[in-house]
Amino acid sequence: MNPEEFDSELRYRATLLAAEEMLKKGLILAEEYDRIDTALLKKYRPFVGMLLAGKSDVQEEKT
């Protein structure tokens, strides 16, 4: 894993942990958490994170 890939994994995981805490505290719904997870996967493209999430088919949105 190169430094850029590591950085993507770290940023994805750190941000997802914040969303998990919000979910545990009832600040967001499970559906919102899933949307956040998908958005983070699209943004950071973490290889390990995508494998663990079981969402390896997440595609980048075209702008």
C-alpha atoms as a PDB file:
ATOM      1  CA  MET A   1       0.000   0.000   0.000  1.00  0.00           C
ATOM      2  CA  ASN A   2       1.470   3.322  -1.018  1.00  0.00           C
ATOM      3  CA  PRO A   3       1.142   6.518   1.077  1.00  0.00           C
ATOM      4  CA  GLU A   4      -1.803   7.837  -0.973  1.00  0.00           C
ATOM      5  CA  GLU A   5      -3.738   4.590  -0.536  1.00  0.00           C
ATOM      6  CA  PHE A   6      -2.997   4.594   3.182  1.00  0.00           C
ATOM      7  CA  ASP A   7      -4.197   8.190   3.461  1.00  0.00           C
ATOM      8  CA  SER A   8      -7.442   7.312   1.665  1.00  0.00           C
ATOM      9  CA  GLU A   9      -8.032   4.373   4.002  1.00  0.00           C
ATOM     10  CA  LEU A  10      -7.324   6.510   7.055  1.00  0.00           C
ATOM     11  CA  ARG A  11      -9.584   9.373   5.995  1.00  0.00           C
ATOM     12  CA  TYR A  12     -12.416   7.001   5.055  1.00  0.00           C
ATOM     13  CA  ARG A  13     -12.226   5.106   8.342  1.00  0.00           C
ATOM     14  CA  ALA A  14     -11.915   8.203  10.544  1.00  0.00           C
ATOM     15  CA  THR A  15     -14.898   9.862   8.906  1.00  0.00           C
ATOM     16  CA  LEU A  16     -16.952   6.672   9.021  1.00  0.00           C
ATOM     17  CA  LEU A  17     -16.241   6.344  12.753  1.00  0.00           C
ATOM     18  CA  ALA A  18     -17.785   9.772  13.288  1.00  0.00           C
ATOM     19  CA  ALA A  19     -20.882   8.651  11.392  1.00  0.00           C
ATOM     20  CA  GLU A  20     -21.018   5.448  13.475  1.00  0.00           C
ATOM     21  CA  GLU A  21     -21.023   7.514  16.662  1.00  0.00           C
ATOM     22  CA  MET A  22     -23.840   9.661  15.296  1.00  0.00           C
ATOM     23  CA  LEU A  23     -25.800   6.499  14.487  1.00  0.00           C
ATOM     24  CA  LYS A  24     -25.234   5.081  17.995  1.00  0.00           C
ATOM     25  CA  LYS A  25     -26.441   8.340  19.552  1.00  0.00           C
ATOM     26  CA  GLY A  26     -29.561   8.379  17.403  1.00  0.00           C
ATOM     27  CA  LEU A  27     -28.540  11.518  15.552  1.00  0.00           C
ATOM     28  CA  ILE A  28     -28.871   9.817  12.162  1.00  0.00           C
ATOM     29  CA  LEU A  29     -30.876   6.868  10.855  1.00  0.00           C
ATOM     30  CA  ALA A  30     -29.390   3.636   9.512  1.00  0.00           C
ATOM     31  CA  GLU A  31     -30.410   4.668   5.997  1.00  0.00           C
ATOM     32  CA  GLU A  32     -28.522   7.935   6.393  1.00  0.00           C
ATOM     33  CA  TYR A  33     -25.485   6.052   7.676  1.00  0.00           C
ATOM     34  CA  ASP A  34     -25.577   3.818   4.594  1.00  0.00           C
ATOM     35  CA  ARG A  35     -25.731   6.870   2.319  1.00  0.00           C
ATOM     36  CA  ILE A  36     -22.798   8.439   4.174  1.00  0.00           C
ATOM     37  CA  ASP A  37     -20.811   5.209   3.838  1.00  0.00           C
ATOM     38  CA  THR A  38     -21.496   5.034   0.102  1.00  0.00           C
ATOM     39  CA  ALA A  39     -20.568   8.703  -0.366  1.00  0.00           C
ATOM     40  CA  LEU A  40     -17.307   8.201   1.543  1.00  0.00           C
ATOM     41  CA  LEU A  41     -16.470   5.131  -0.532  1.00  0.00           C
ATOM     42  CA  LYS A  42     -16.987   7.175  -3.695  1.00  0.00           C
ATOM     43  CA  LYS A  43     -14.906  10.054  -2.365  1.00  0.00           C
ATOM     44  CA  TYR A  44     -11.933   8.195  -0.881  1.00  0.00           C
ATOM     45  CA  ARG A  45     -11.974   4.924  -2.916  1.00  0.00           C
ATOM     46  CA  PRO A  46     -10.368   2.913  -0.060  1.00  0.00           C
ATOM     47  CA  PHE A  47      -9.486  -0.574  -1.291  1.00  0.00           C
ATOM     48  CA  VAL A  48      -9.696  -2.292   2.102  1.00  0.00           C
ATOM     49  CA  GLY A  49     -12.711  -0.219   3.122  1.00  0.00           C
ATOM     50  CA  MET A  50     -14.560  -1.263  -0.019  1.00  0.00           C
ATOM     51  CA  LEU A  51     -13.818  -4.924   0.652  1.00  0.00           C
ATOM     52  CA  LEU A  52     -14.999  -4.680   4.252  1.00  0.00           C
ATOM     53  CA  ALA A  53     -18.123  -2.756   3.262  1.00  0.00           C
ATOM     54  CA  GLY A  54     -18.972  -5.325   0.620  1.00  0.00           C
ATOM     55  CA  LYS A  55     -19.552  -2.501  -1.835  1.00  0.00           C
ATOM     56  CA  SER A  56     -16.757  -3.065  -4.339  1.00  0.00           C
ATOM     57  CA  ASP A  57     -19.129  -2.102  -7.158  1.00  0.00           C
ATOM     58  CA  VAL A  58     -19.442   1.536  -6.023  1.00  0.00           C
ATOM     59  CA  GLN A  59     -18.935   3.727  -9.075  1.00  0.00           C
ATOM     60  CA  GLU A  60     -17.733   7.307  -9.182  1.00  0.00           C
ATOM     61  CA  GLU A  61     -20.464   9.769 -10.025  1.00  0.00           C
ATOM     62  CA  LYS A  62     -19.985  11.629 -13.268  1.00  0.00           C
ATOM     63  CA  THR A  63     -20.251  15.398 -13.028  1.00  0.00           C
END
